Amino acid sequence: RVGQGGAGVAVGVLARGAQWAALIGALEQRASAAPAASPQRRGDLIQIAAIQERELGDLDAAIAAWQRIAGGGVDDGEAVAALADLYAATDRWAEMARLLEASSSTDISRTMARLVRLGDAYRLHLGDPARALTVYRDALSISPADARARDGAAALLDVPTTRAGATD
């Protein structure tokens, strides 16, 4: 087994020589030796996916590599975008739709949480009720029934400068 430094040299030599199969093998070996959440493992798997797609034209193998990167989740925006592109290129529309649906609902939840937190920061800590109202309105335009955003906007009814806007 080659050490991490030796593996890096081997990977560089194989890449310069366009020895794709051997390079994928070396990257796989290095990725499997790295901790699951390490940037090295992720980088190696991304490189494998890129080689599979661009150099070898093996889109199914590129999909498999990106699926390993995503780990079955939809939290990785880069992986979701790459998988959506590859699913479209291979006419795997149902898989693309499932992926984008799951990712979108996760993104909406995160966006809502961030907007409410931002609105709360403006309202409670930064003394800027007008900006808070704008942020709560943005949140409510995404999810009108969100209780957190509604509560934040409702709290601005007590502020004279935002009372009229908060009633909308």
N, C-alpha and C. Protein backbone atom coordinates (compact mmCIF):
# COMPACT_ATOMS: atom_id res chain seq x y z
N ARG A 1 0.85 -1.18 0.00
CA ARG A 1 0.00 0.00 0.00
C ARG A 1 0.89 1.24 0.00
N VAL A 2 0.58 2.16 -0.90
CA VAL A 2 1.35 3.39 -1.04
C VAL A 2 0.86 4.38 0.01
N GLY A 3 1.78 5.11 0.66
CA GLY A 3 1.41 6.14 1.63
C GLY A 3 0.70 7.28 0.94
N GLN A 4 0.10 8.18 1.74
CA GLN A 4 -0.65 9.30 1.18
C GLN A 4 0.22 10.16 0.26
N GLY A 5 1.45 10.45 0.64
CA GLY A 5 2.33 11.24 -0.22
C GLY A 5 2.63 10.52 -1.52
N GLY A 6 2.93 9.22 -1.43
CA GLY A 6 3.19 8.43 -2.63
C GLY A 6 1.98 8.31 -3.52
N ALA A 7 0.80 8.22 -2.89
CA ALA A 7 -0.44 8.13 -3.67
C ALA A 7 -0.65 9.42 -4.44
N GLY A 8 -0.33 10.56 -3.84
CA GLY A 8 -0.47 11.85 -4.51
C GLY A 8 0.43 11.95 -5.72
N VAL A 9 1.66 11.46 -5.58
CA VAL A 9 2.59 11.46 -6.71
C VAL A 9 2.07 10.55 -7.81
N ALA A 10 1.63 9.35 -7.43
CA ALA A 10 1.10 8.41 -8.42
C ALA A 10 -0.10 9.00 -9.16
N VAL A 11 -0.98 9.66 -8.42
CA VAL A 11 -2.16 10.26 -9.03
C VAL A 11 -1.73 11.32 -10.04
N GLY A 12 -0.76 12.14 -9.67
CA GLY A 12 -0.27 13.18 -10.58
C GLY A 12 0.33 12.61 -11.85
N VAL A 13 1.15 11.57 -11.70
CA VAL A 13 1.79 10.93 -12.86
C VAL A 13 0.73 10.31 -13.77
N LEU A 14 -0.23 9.62 -13.19
CA LEU A 14 -1.27 8.97 -13.99
C LEU A 14 -2.15 10.00 -14.70
N ALA A 15 -2.44 11.11 -14.04
CA ALA A 15 -3.26 12.15 -14.66
C ALA A 15 -2.53 12.78 -15.84
N ARG A 16 -1.24 13.07 -15.65
CA ARG A 16 -0.47 13.67 -16.75
C ARG A 16 -0.36 12.70 -17.92
N GLY A 17 -0.34 11.43 -17.63
CA GLY A 17 -0.23 10.43 -18.69
C GLY A 17 -1.57 10.00 -19.26
N ALA A 18 -2.65 10.60 -18.77
CA ALA A 18 -4.01 10.27 -19.24
C ALA A 18 -4.28 8.78 -19.14
N GLN A 19 -3.79 8.17 -18.08
CA GLN A 19 -4.03 6.75 -17.83
C GLN A 19 -5.27 6.65 -16.93
N TRP A 20 -6.42 6.81 -17.55
CA TRP A 20 -7.66 7.02 -16.81
C TRP A 20 -8.03 5.85 -15.91
N ALA A 21 -7.99 4.64 -16.39
CA ALA A 21 -8.38 3.50 -15.56
C ALA A 21 -7.47 3.37 -14.34
N ALA A 22 -6.16 3.50 -14.56
CA ALA A 22 -5.21 3.42 -13.45
C ALA A 22 -5.40 4.59 -12.49
N LEU A 23 -5.69 5.76 -13.04
CA LEU A 23 -5.91 6.94 -12.21
C LEU A 23 -7.14 6.76 -11.33
N ILE A 24 -8.21 6.25 -11.92
CA ILE A 24 -9.42 5.98 -11.13
C ILE A 24 -9.11 5.00 -10.01
N GLY A 25 -8.35 3.96 -10.31
CA GLY A 25 -7.96 2.98 -9.29
C GLY A 25 -7.18 3.62 -8.15
N ALA A 26 -6.21 4.48 -8.50
CA ALA A 26 -5.41 5.16 -7.48
C ALA A 26 -6.26 6.12 -6.65
N LEU A 27 -7.17 6.82 -7.31
CA LEU A 27 -8.06 7.72 -6.58
C LEU A 27 -9.01 6.96 -5.67
N GLU A 28 -9.52 5.83 -6.15
CA GLU A 28 -10.39 4.98 -5.33
C GLU A 28 -9.65 4.50 -4.09
N GLN A 29 -8.41 4.07 -4.30
CA GLN A 29 -7.60 3.58 -3.18
C GLN A 29 -7.38 4.69 -2.16
N ARG A 30 -7.02 5.87 -2.65
CA ARG A 30 -6.77 6.99 -1.74
C ARG A 30 -8.07 7.42 -1.04
N ALA A 31 -9.18 7.43 -1.77
CA ALA A 31 -10.46 7.82 -1.18
C ALA A 31 -10.90 6.84 -0.11
N SER A 32 -10.68 5.55 -0.34
CA SER A 32 -11.10 4.57 0.66
C SER A 32 -10.22 4.59 1.90
N ALA A 33 -9.02 5.13 1.79
CA ALA A 33 -8.14 5.22 2.95
C ALA A 33 -8.44 6.48 3.78
N ALA A 34 -9.17 7.41 3.20
CA ALA A 34 -9.46 8.68 3.89
C ALA A 34 -10.73 8.54 4.72
N PRO A 35 -10.83 9.32 5.79
CA PRO A 35 -12.08 9.33 6.58
C PRO A 35 -13.27 9.74 5.70
N ALA A 36 -14.43 9.24 6.05
CA ALA A 36 -15.63 9.43 5.22
C ALA A 36 -15.93 10.89 4.92
N ALA A 37 -15.75 11.77 5.87
CA ALA A 37 -16.12 13.17 5.66
C ALA A 37 -14.94 14.06 5.28
N SER A 38 -13.83 13.45 4.91
CA SER A 38 -12.64 14.27 4.64
C SER A 38 -12.70 14.96 3.28
N PRO A 39 -12.13 16.16 3.20
CA PRO A 39 -12.07 16.87 1.92
C PRO A 39 -11.29 16.08 0.86
N GLN A 40 -10.28 15.32 1.29
CA GLN A 40 -9.48 14.52 0.35
C GLN A 40 -10.35 13.47 -0.32
N ARG A 41 -11.16 12.78 0.46
CA ARG A 41 -12.05 11.75 -0.08
C ARG A 41 -13.03 12.38 -1.07
N ARG A 42 -13.63 13.47 -0.65
CA ARG A 42 -14.59 14.17 -1.52
C ARG A 42 -13.92 14.60 -2.82
N GLY A 43 -12.75 15.21 -2.71
CA GLY A 43 -12.04 15.66 -3.91
C GLY A 43 -11.69 14.51 -4.84
N ASP A 44 -11.27 13.40 -4.27
CA ASP A 44 -10.94 12.23 -5.09
C ASP A 44 -12.18 11.69 -5.80
N LEU A 45 -13.31 11.63 -5.09
CA LEU A 45 -14.54 11.13 -5.72
C LEU A 45 -15.04 12.09 -6.80
N ILE A 46 -14.89 13.38 -6.58
CA ILE A 46 -15.27 14.35 -7.62
C ILE A 46 -14.39 14.17 -8.84
N GLN A 47 -13.10 13.95 -8.61
CA GLN A 47 -12.19 13.74 -9.74
C GLN A 47 -12.56 12.46 -10.49
N ILE A 48 -12.93 11.42 -9.76
CA ILE A 48 -13.36 10.17 -10.40
C ILE A 48 -14.60 10.43 -11.26
N ALA A 49 -15.57 11.15 -10.70
CA ALA A 49 -16.79 11.45 -11.45
C ALA A 49 -16.48 12.24 -12.71
N ALA A 50 -15.58 13.21 -12.59
CA ALA A 50 -15.21 14.03 -13.76
C ALA A 50 -14.53 13.20 -14.83
N ILE A 51 -13.65 12.31 -14.43
CA ILE A 51 -12.96 11.44 -15.40
C ILE A 51 -13.96 10.53 -16.09
N GLN A 52 -14.86 9.94 -15.29
CA GLN A 52 -15.87 9.04 -15.86
C GLN A 52 -16.71 9.79 -16.89
N GLU A 53 -17.11 11.00 -16.55
CA GLU A 53 -17.98 11.76 -17.45
C GLU A 53 -17.23 12.32 -18.65
N ARG A 54 -16.16 13.06 -18.40
CA ARG A 54 -15.51 13.83 -19.48
C ARG A 54 -14.51 13.04 -20.29
N GLU A 55 -13.76 12.20 -19.65
CA GLU A 55 -12.70 11.48 -20.36
C GLU A 55 -13.16 10.14 -20.92
N LEU A 56 -14.01 9.45 -20.14
CA LEU A 56 -14.44 8.11 -20.57
C LEU A 56 -15.85 8.09 -21.13
N GLY A 57 -16.61 9.16 -20.91
CA GLY A 57 -17.98 9.19 -21.43
C GLY A 57 -18.90 8.18 -20.78
N ASP A 58 -18.54 7.71 -19.59
CA ASP A 58 -19.34 6.72 -18.87
C ASP A 58 -20.22 7.45 -17.86
N LEU A 59 -21.37 7.90 -18.32
CA LEU A 59 -22.24 8.71 -17.48
C LEU A 59 -22.82 7.93 -16.31
N ASP A 60 -23.09 6.63 -16.51
CA ASP A 60 -23.60 5.82 -15.41
C ASP A 60 -22.56 5.72 -14.28
N ALA A 61 -21.30 5.57 -14.64
CA ALA A 61 -20.24 5.52 -13.62
C ALA A 61 -20.09 6.89 -12.95
N ALA A 62 -20.24 7.96 -13.71
CA ALA A 62 -20.18 9.31 -13.13
C ALA A 62 -21.32 9.51 -12.15
N ILE A 63 -22.50 9.03 -12.51
CA ILE A 63 -23.65 9.11 -11.60
C ILE A 63 -23.35 8.35 -10.31
N ALA A 64 -22.80 7.15 -10.45
CA ALA A 64 -22.48 6.35 -9.26
C ALA A 64 -21.48 7.08 -8.37
N ALA A 65 -20.51 7.73 -8.95
CA ALA A 65 -19.52 8.48 -8.16
C ALA A 65 -20.19 9.65 -7.44
N TRP A 66 -21.03 10.39 -8.13
CA TRP A 66 -21.71 11.52 -7.49
C TRP A 66 -22.67 11.04 -6.41
N GLN A 67 -23.29 9.88 -6.61
CA GLN A 67 -24.17 9.33 -5.58
C GLN A 67 -23.36 9.00 -4.32
N ARG A 68 -22.16 8.50 -4.50
CA ARG A 68 -21.29 8.23 -3.35
C ARG A 68 -20.94 9.54 -2.64
N ILE A 69 -20.70 10.58 -3.40
CA ILE A 69 -20.37 11.88 -2.81
C ILE A 69 -21.55 12.39 -2.00
N ALA A 70 -22.74 12.30 -2.57
CA ALA A 70 -23.95 12.79 -1.90
C ALA A 70 -24.30 11.91 -0.70
N GLY A 71 -23.89 10.66 -0.73
CA GLY A 71 -24.17 9.76 0.38
C GLY A 71 -25.64 9.50 0.58
N GLY A 72 -26.42 9.58 -0.47
CA GLY A 72 -27.84 9.32 -0.37
C GLY A 72 -28.64 10.51 0.12
N GLY A 73 -27.95 11.59 0.46
CA GLY A 73 -28.65 12.77 0.95
C GLY A 73 -28.81 13.82 -0.14
N VAL A 74 -29.49 14.88 0.21
CA VAL A 74 -29.71 15.97 -0.74
C VAL A 74 -29.16 17.28 -0.20
N ASP A 75 -28.23 17.17 0.74
CA ASP A 75 -27.69 18.37 1.38
C ASP A 75 -26.51 18.97 0.62
N ASP A 76 -26.01 18.27 -0.35
CA ASP A 76 -24.82 18.72 -1.07
C ASP A 76 -25.24 19.34 -2.39
N GLY A 77 -25.24 20.67 -2.44
CA GLY A 77 -25.72 21.37 -3.63
C GLY A 77 -24.94 21.04 -4.88
N GLU A 78 -23.62 20.89 -4.75
CA GLU A 78 -22.79 20.56 -5.91
C GLU A 78 -23.15 19.17 -6.44
N ALA A 79 -23.34 18.22 -5.54
CA ALA A 79 -23.69 16.86 -5.96
C ALA A 79 -25.09 16.83 -6.58
N VAL A 80 -26.02 17.56 -6.00
CA VAL A 80 -27.38 17.60 -6.54
C VAL A 80 -27.36 18.17 -7.95
N ALA A 81 -26.63 19.27 -8.16
CA ALA A 81 -26.57 19.88 -9.49
C ALA A 81 -25.94 18.93 -10.50
N ALA A 82 -24.84 18.28 -10.11
CA ALA A 82 -24.16 17.35 -11.03
C ALA A 82 -25.06 16.16 -11.34
N LEU A 83 -25.70 15.61 -10.33
CA LEU A 83 -26.60 14.47 -10.57
C LEU A 83 -27.78 14.86 -11.44
N ALA A 84 -28.35 16.03 -11.21
CA ALA A 84 -29.48 16.47 -12.04
C ALA A 84 -29.06 16.58 -13.50
N ASP A 85 -27.88 17.15 -13.74
CA ASP A 85 -27.37 17.26 -15.11
C ASP A 85 -27.15 15.88 -15.73
N LEU A 86 -26.56 14.98 -14.97
CA LEU A 86 -26.29 13.64 -15.49
C LEU A 86 -27.57 12.85 -15.71
N TYR A 87 -28.52 12.97 -14.79
CA TYR A 87 -29.81 12.29 -14.98
C TYR A 87 -30.48 12.80 -16.25
N ALA A 88 -30.44 14.10 -16.48
CA ALA A 88 -31.04 14.67 -17.70
C ALA A 88 -30.32 14.16 -18.94
N ALA A 89 -29.00 14.10 -18.88
CA ALA A 89 -28.22 13.64 -20.04
C ALA A 89 -28.47 12.18 -20.36
N THR A 90 -28.91 11.41 -19.37
CA THR A 90 -29.16 9.98 -19.58
C THR A 90 -30.66 9.65 -19.60
N ASP A 91 -31.49 10.70 -19.74
CA ASP A 91 -32.95 10.51 -19.80
C ASP A 91 -33.51 9.79 -18.58
N ARG A 92 -32.92 10.02 -17.43
CA ARG A 92 -33.42 9.42 -16.19
C ARG A 92 -34.24 10.48 -15.46
N TRP A 93 -35.36 10.83 -16.09
CA TRP A 93 -36.17 11.95 -15.63
C TRP A 93 -36.82 11.70 -14.29
N ALA A 94 -37.28 10.51 -14.03
CA ALA A 94 -37.93 10.21 -12.75
C ALA A 94 -36.93 10.36 -11.60
N GLU A 95 -35.70 9.88 -11.81
CA GLU A 95 -34.68 10.02 -10.77
C GLU A 95 -34.34 11.49 -10.55
N MET A 96 -34.26 12.24 -11.66
CA MET A 96 -33.96 13.66 -11.54
C MET A 96 -35.08 14.36 -10.77
N ALA A 97 -36.32 14.03 -11.09
CA ALA A 97 -37.46 14.67 -10.42
C ALA A 97 -37.45 14.37 -8.92
N ARG A 98 -37.21 13.10 -8.54
CA ARG A 98 -37.15 12.73 -7.12
C ARG A 98 -36.05 13.50 -6.40
N LEU A 99 -34.89 13.56 -7.02
CA LEU A 99 -33.74 14.25 -6.43
C LEU A 99 -34.06 15.73 -6.23
N LEU A 100 -34.57 16.38 -7.27
CA LEU A 100 -34.84 17.82 -7.19
C LEU A 100 -35.99 18.13 -6.23
N GLU A 101 -36.98 17.26 -6.17
CA GLU A 101 -38.07 17.46 -5.20
C GLU A 101 -37.54 17.41 -3.78
N ALA A 102 -36.76 16.38 -3.48
CA ALA A 102 -36.21 16.24 -2.13
C ALA A 102 -35.28 17.40 -1.79
N SER A 103 -34.45 17.77 -2.74
CA SER A 103 -33.51 18.87 -2.53
C SER A 103 -34.24 20.19 -2.34
N SER A 104 -35.27 20.42 -3.13
CA SER A 104 -36.01 21.68 -3.05
C SER A 104 -36.70 21.84 -1.71
N SER A 105 -37.30 20.77 -1.19
CA SER A 105 -37.98 20.90 0.10
C SER A 105 -36.96 21.15 1.21
N THR A 106 -35.80 20.53 1.11
CA THR A 106 -34.74 20.78 2.09
C THR A 106 -34.26 22.22 1.97
N ASP A 107 -34.07 22.70 0.75
CA ASP A 107 -33.62 24.07 0.53
C ASP A 107 -34.63 25.08 1.05
N ILE A 108 -35.92 24.82 0.82
CA ILE A 108 -36.96 25.73 1.29
C ILE A 108 -36.95 25.80 2.81
N SER A 109 -36.84 24.66 3.47
CA SER A 109 -36.80 24.64 4.93
C SER A 109 -35.61 25.43 5.46
N ARG A 110 -34.47 25.23 4.84
CA ARG A 110 -33.28 25.97 5.27
C ARG A 110 -33.43 27.46 5.01
N THR A 111 -33.94 27.81 3.84
CA THR A 111 -34.13 29.21 3.51
C THR A 111 -35.08 29.88 4.49
N MET A 112 -36.17 29.21 4.81
CA MET A 112 -37.12 29.77 5.76
C MET A 112 -36.47 29.98 7.12
N ALA A 113 -35.74 29.01 7.59
CA ALA A 113 -35.07 29.14 8.89
C ALA A 113 -34.09 30.31 8.88
N ARG A 114 -33.35 30.45 7.79
CA ARG A 114 -32.38 31.55 7.69
C ARG A 114 -33.07 32.91 7.63
N LEU A 115 -34.14 33.01 6.85
CA LEU A 115 -34.85 34.29 6.75
C LEU A 115 -35.46 34.70 8.08
N VAL A 116 -36.08 33.76 8.77
CA VAL A 116 -36.68 34.09 10.07
C VAL A 116 -35.59 34.50 11.05
N ARG A 117 -34.49 33.79 11.04
CA ARG A 117 -33.38 34.15 11.93
C ARG A 117 -32.84 35.55 11.60
N LEU A 118 -32.73 35.86 10.32
CA LEU A 118 -32.27 37.17 9.90
C LEU A 118 -33.27 38.25 10.32
N GLY A 119 -34.55 38.00 10.09
CA GLY A 119 -35.58 38.94 10.51
C GLY A 119 -35.53 39.17 12.02
N ASP A 120 -35.38 38.09 12.77
CA ASP A 120 -35.29 38.21 14.23
C ASP A 120 -34.06 39.03 14.63
N ALA A 121 -32.96 38.83 13.93
CA ALA A 121 -31.75 39.59 14.25
C ALA A 121 -31.99 41.08 14.03
N TYR A 122 -32.60 41.44 12.89
CA TYR A 122 -32.89 42.85 12.63
C TYR A 122 -33.88 43.41 13.66
N ARG A 123 -34.89 42.64 13.98
CA ARG A 123 -35.94 43.11 14.89
C ARG A 123 -35.47 43.17 16.34
N LEU A 124 -34.82 42.11 16.81
CA LEU A 124 -34.50 42.00 18.23
C LEU A 124 -33.14 42.54 18.64
N HIS A 125 -32.19 42.51 17.72
CA HIS A 125 -30.82 42.82 18.12
C HIS A 125 -30.18 44.00 17.39
N LEU A 126 -30.66 44.31 16.20
CA LEU A 126 -30.01 45.35 15.42
C LEU A 126 -30.84 46.64 15.32
N GLY A 127 -32.02 46.62 15.92
CA GLY A 127 -32.84 47.82 15.94
C GLY A 127 -33.26 48.32 14.57
N ASP A 128 -33.52 47.39 13.65
CA ASP A 128 -33.90 47.78 12.30
C ASP A 128 -35.21 47.09 11.91
N PRO A 129 -36.33 47.59 12.46
CA PRO A 129 -37.60 46.93 12.19
C PRO A 129 -38.02 46.96 10.72
N ALA A 130 -37.64 47.99 9.98
CA ALA A 130 -38.01 48.06 8.56
C ALA A 130 -37.35 46.92 7.78
N ARG A 131 -36.07 46.68 8.04
CA ARG A 131 -35.40 45.56 7.36
C ARG A 131 -35.97 44.23 7.83
N ALA A 132 -36.30 44.15 9.11
CA ALA A 132 -36.90 42.91 9.63
C ALA A 132 -38.20 42.62 8.89
N LEU A 133 -39.03 43.65 8.72
CA LEU A 133 -40.30 43.47 8.02
C LEU A 133 -40.07 42.99 6.59
N THR A 134 -39.10 43.56 5.91
CA THR A 134 -38.79 43.14 4.54
C THR A 134 -38.41 41.66 4.50
N VAL A 135 -37.60 41.25 5.45
CA VAL A 135 -37.16 39.85 5.50
C VAL A 135 -38.32 38.93 5.83
N TYR A 136 -39.13 39.28 6.80
CA TYR A 136 -40.30 38.45 7.13
C TYR A 136 -41.24 38.35 5.93
N ARG A 137 -41.42 39.45 5.21
CA ARG A 137 -42.27 39.42 4.00
C ARG A 137 -41.69 38.47 2.95
N ASP A 138 -40.36 38.52 2.79
CA ASP A 138 -39.72 37.59 1.86
C ASP A 138 -40.01 36.15 2.26
N ALA A 139 -39.89 35.88 3.55
CA ALA A 139 -40.15 34.53 4.05
C ALA A 139 -41.60 34.14 3.79
N LEU A 140 -42.51 35.06 4.07
CA LEU A 140 -43.93 34.75 3.88
C LEU A 140 -44.31 34.61 2.41
N SER A 141 -43.54 35.22 1.52
CA SER A 141 -43.82 35.02 0.10
C SER A 141 -43.45 33.60 -0.33
N ILE A 142 -42.53 32.99 0.39
CA ILE A 142 -42.15 31.61 0.10
C ILE A 142 -43.12 30.64 0.76
N SER A 143 -43.44 30.91 2.00
CA SER A 143 -44.31 30.02 2.77
C SER A 143 -45.26 30.86 3.62
N PRO A 144 -46.42 31.23 3.07
CA PRO A 144 -47.33 32.13 3.76
C PRO A 144 -47.84 31.62 5.11
N ALA A 145 -47.81 30.33 5.33
CA ALA A 145 -48.33 29.78 6.57
C ALA A 145 -47.25 29.59 7.64
N ASP A 146 -46.01 29.98 7.36
CA ASP A 146 -44.93 29.76 8.32
C ASP A 146 -45.19 30.56 9.60
N ALA A 147 -45.39 29.86 10.70
CA ALA A 147 -45.73 30.50 11.97
C ALA A 147 -44.61 31.40 12.48
N ARG A 148 -43.37 30.98 12.28
CA ARG A 148 -42.24 31.77 12.78
C ARG A 148 -42.19 33.13 12.08
N ALA A 149 -42.35 33.14 10.77
CA ALA A 149 -42.31 34.39 10.00
C ALA A 149 -43.53 35.24 10.34
N ARG A 150 -44.69 34.60 10.49
CA ARG A 150 -45.91 35.34 10.83
C ARG A 150 -45.79 35.98 12.22
N ASP A 151 -45.21 35.24 13.16
CA ASP A 151 -45.02 35.78 14.51
C ASP A 151 -44.05 36.96 14.50
N GLY A 152 -42.98 36.84 13.73
CA GLY A 152 -42.02 37.94 13.63
C GLY A 152 -42.65 39.18 13.04
N ALA A 153 -43.41 39.00 11.96
CA ALA A 153 -44.08 40.14 11.34
C ALA A 153 -45.14 40.73 12.28
N ALA A 154 -45.86 39.86 12.98
CA ALA A 154 -46.90 40.33 13.90
C ALA A 154 -46.29 41.16 15.03
N ALA A 155 -45.11 40.79 15.48
CA ALA A 155 -44.45 41.56 16.54
C ALA A 155 -44.16 42.99 16.08
N LEU A 156 -44.07 43.20 14.79
CA LEU A 156 -43.79 44.54 14.26
C LEU A 156 -45.03 45.42 14.22
N LEU A 157 -46.20 44.86 14.55
CA LEU A 157 -47.42 45.67 14.67
C LEU A 157 -47.29 46.67 15.82
N ASP A 158 -46.46 46.34 16.79
CA ASP A 158 -46.26 47.21 17.95
C ASP A 158 -45.27 48.35 17.69
N VAL A 159 -44.63 48.33 16.52
CA VAL A 159 -43.63 49.35 16.19
C VAL A 159 -44.29 50.36 15.24
N PRO A 160 -44.36 51.62 15.65
CA PRO A 160 -45.08 52.63 14.82
C PRO A 160 -44.58 52.70 13.37
N THR A 161 -43.29 52.59 13.15
CA THR A 161 -42.76 52.74 11.78
C THR A 161 -43.07 51.56 10.89
N THR A 162 -43.43 50.41 11.46
CA THR A 162 -43.71 49.23 10.64
C THR A 162 -45.14 48.74 10.78
N ARG A 163 -45.94 49.43 11.62
CA ARG A 163 -47.31 48.96 11.88
C ARG A 163 -48.12 48.80 10.60
N ALA A 164 -48.12 49.79 9.74
CA ALA A 164 -48.93 49.72 8.51
C ALA A 164 -48.45 48.61 7.61
N GLY A 165 -47.15 48.46 7.46
CA GLY A 165 -46.61 47.41 6.60
C GLY A 165 -46.81 46.02 7.15
N ALA A 166 -46.85 45.90 8.47
CA ALA A 166 -47.00 44.59 9.10
C ALA A 166 -48.42 44.07 9.01
N THR A 167 -49.38 44.95 8.72
CA THR A 167 -50.77 44.49 8.62
C THR A 167 -51.09 43.88 7.27
N ASP A 168 -50.21 44.08 6.28
CA ASP A 168 -50.45 43.55 4.92
C ASP A 168 -50.44 42.04 4.91
